[in-house]
Protein backbone atom coordinates (compact mmCIF):
# COMPACT_ATOMS: atom_id res chain seq x y z
CA GLY A 1 -99.48 -35.03 -15.19
CA VAL A 2 -98.22 -38.15 -16.86
CA GLY A 3 -94.67 -39.24 -16.08
CA SER A 4 -92.05 -40.49 -18.50
CA GLY A 5 -93.07 -43.53 -20.51
CA GLY A 6 -96.76 -42.80 -19.89
CA GLN A 7 -96.61 -44.39 -16.45
CA GLY A 8 -98.65 -41.73 -14.70
CA ALA A 9 -97.55 -39.46 -11.87
CA PRO A 10 -95.34 -40.71 -9.01
CA ALA A 11 -97.27 -42.55 -6.28
CA THR A 12 -95.61 -44.13 -3.26
CA LEU A 13 -97.39 -47.10 -1.70
CA HIS A 14 -96.65 -47.41 2.03
CA LYS A 15 -97.21 -50.90 3.46
CA ILE A 16 -96.84 -51.80 7.12
CA ASN A 17 -94.95 -55.02 7.75
CA LYS A 18 -96.25 -56.42 11.04
CA GLY A 19 -93.17 -58.58 11.48
CA VAL A 20 -92.86 -62.05 12.95
CA TYR A 21 -92.65 -63.06 16.59
CA ASN A 22 -89.33 -64.70 17.49
CA PRO A 23 -89.83 -66.99 20.49
CA ARG A 24 -86.08 -67.10 21.15
CA THR A 25 -85.83 -63.35 21.66
CA SER A 26 -89.46 -62.76 22.72
CA LYS A 27 -89.54 -59.87 20.23
CA ILE A 28 -91.28 -59.02 16.99
CA GLU A 29 -88.71 -58.87 14.20
CA GLY A 30 -88.93 -57.29 10.77
CA ALA A 31 -91.71 -54.83 11.64
CA GLY A 32 -91.84 -51.42 10.00
CA GLN A 33 -92.97 -49.49 6.98
CA VAL A 34 -91.89 -50.47 3.47
CA ASP A 35 -92.25 -47.92 0.66
CA TYR A 36 -92.80 -48.82 -2.99
CA GLU A 37 -92.18 -46.14 -5.62
CA GLY A 38 -94.86 -46.59 -8.24
CA SER A 39 -97.09 -44.46 -10.39
CA GLY A 40 -100.75 -43.78 -10.81
CA LEU A 41 -103.51 -41.59 -12.14
CA ARG A 42 -105.86 -39.76 -9.77
CA ILE A 43 -109.42 -39.08 -10.90
CA ASN A 44 -112.32 -37.30 -9.22
CA TYR A 45 -115.52 -39.22 -8.61
CA THR A 46 -118.53 -38.14 -10.68
CA THR A 47 -121.65 -36.62 -9.16
CA PHE A 48 -123.46 -39.89 -9.89
CA GLU A 49 -120.81 -41.91 -8.02
CA TYR A 50 -121.21 -39.73 -4.92
CA ARG A 51 -124.69 -41.22 -4.51
CA ASP A 52 -122.90 -44.30 -3.15
CA THR A 53 -122.88 -43.65 0.60
CA THR A 54 -119.39 -45.15 0.98
CA ILE A 55 -117.84 -42.36 -1.11
CA GLU A 56 -117.23 -39.07 0.69
CA LYS A 57 -116.99 -35.68 -1.00
CA ASN A 58 -113.17 -35.48 -0.83
CA ASP A 59 -112.45 -39.08 -1.89
CA TYR A 60 -110.52 -39.80 -5.08
CA LYS A 61 -109.99 -42.75 -7.39
CA LEU A 62 -106.38 -43.72 -7.99
CA TYR A 63 -105.51 -46.14 -10.76
CA LEU A 64 -102.28 -47.68 -9.45
CA CYS A 65 -99.86 -49.19 -11.98
CA PRO A 66 -98.92 -52.87 -11.43
CA VAL A 67 -95.23 -52.14 -12.14
CA LEU A 68 -92.99 -49.95 -9.98
CA ILE A 69 -91.34 -46.86 -11.42
CA ASP A 70 -88.16 -48.85 -12.19
CA GLY A 71 -90.18 -50.50 -14.96
CA THR A 72 -89.20 -54.08 -14.06
CA THR A 73 -90.42 -54.81 -10.52
CA ASP A 74 -94.03 -55.77 -9.81
CA CYS A 75 -95.86 -53.49 -7.41
CA PRO A 76 -97.26 -55.40 -4.44
CA ALA A 77 -101.04 -55.43 -4.21
CA PRO A 78 -102.34 -52.64 -1.99
CA THR A 79 -104.67 -53.56 0.86
CA ILE A 80 -107.35 -51.59 2.67
CA GLY A 81 -105.64 -49.43 5.29
CA ASP A 82 -102.39 -48.96 3.35
CA THR A 83 -101.41 -45.37 2.64
CA ILE A 84 -100.31 -43.78 -0.62
CA THR A 85 -98.44 -40.51 -1.13
CA PHE A 86 -99.63 -38.83 -4.32
CA ASP A 87 -98.94 -35.22 -5.35
CA ASN A 88 -97.31 -34.60 -1.93
CA ASP A 89 -100.50 -35.59 -0.07
CA LEU A 90 -100.98 -38.70 2.06
CA TYR A 91 -104.09 -40.78 1.39
CA LYS A 92 -105.51 -43.88 3.05
CA VAL A 93 -106.82 -46.75 0.91
CA ILE A 94 -110.51 -47.08 1.84
CA ASN A 95 -111.57 -49.60 -0.80
CA LEU A 96 -110.01 -51.21 -3.85
CA GLU A 97 -110.53 -53.60 -6.68
CA ALA A 98 -108.35 -55.17 -9.34
CA TRP A 99 -108.35 -53.17 -12.56
CA ASN A 100 -108.44 -55.46 -15.58
CA ALA A 101 -108.97 -54.73 -19.25
CA SER A 102 -109.90 -57.63 -21.53
CA GLY A 103 -108.41 -60.09 -19.06
CA LEU A 104 -105.11 -58.20 -18.76
CA ALA A 105 -104.11 -57.10 -15.24
CA CYS A 106 -103.67 -53.32 -15.38
CA GLY A 107 -103.25 -52.61 -11.67
CA TRP A 108 -105.71 -51.52 -9.01
CA LYS A 109 -108.48 -48.96 -8.71
CA CYS A 110 -108.21 -47.54 -5.19
CA GLN A 111 -110.71 -45.38 -3.33
CA MET A 112 -108.51 -42.93 -1.40
CA ARG A 113 -109.22 -40.48 1.39
CA LYS A 114 -106.82 -37.92 2.86
CA ALA A 115 -105.11 -39.48 5.85
């Protein structure tokens, strides 16, 4: 369903922060997972799109909003390998592209696969 304000359904983008090596401590600092509460719209691929050999039968498209659910903070750009929780299921980002309409950045179109 569509959330309040027409933002789509809740979608949490999970990004892994690799951290930075600190030569003084000989440790990696700042590593861990950062979660971003956003929203999106999940759509099934069409039969025609499944002819593309990179799309598997249980893959989905997710149009991810460029603004987080708070309505004021920009959503960071997803990258291949990030994970997204949508409708209580965890998906891995397999492929993605910027989603633009008439030159206006509308977010990202992500190819997702259950993780």
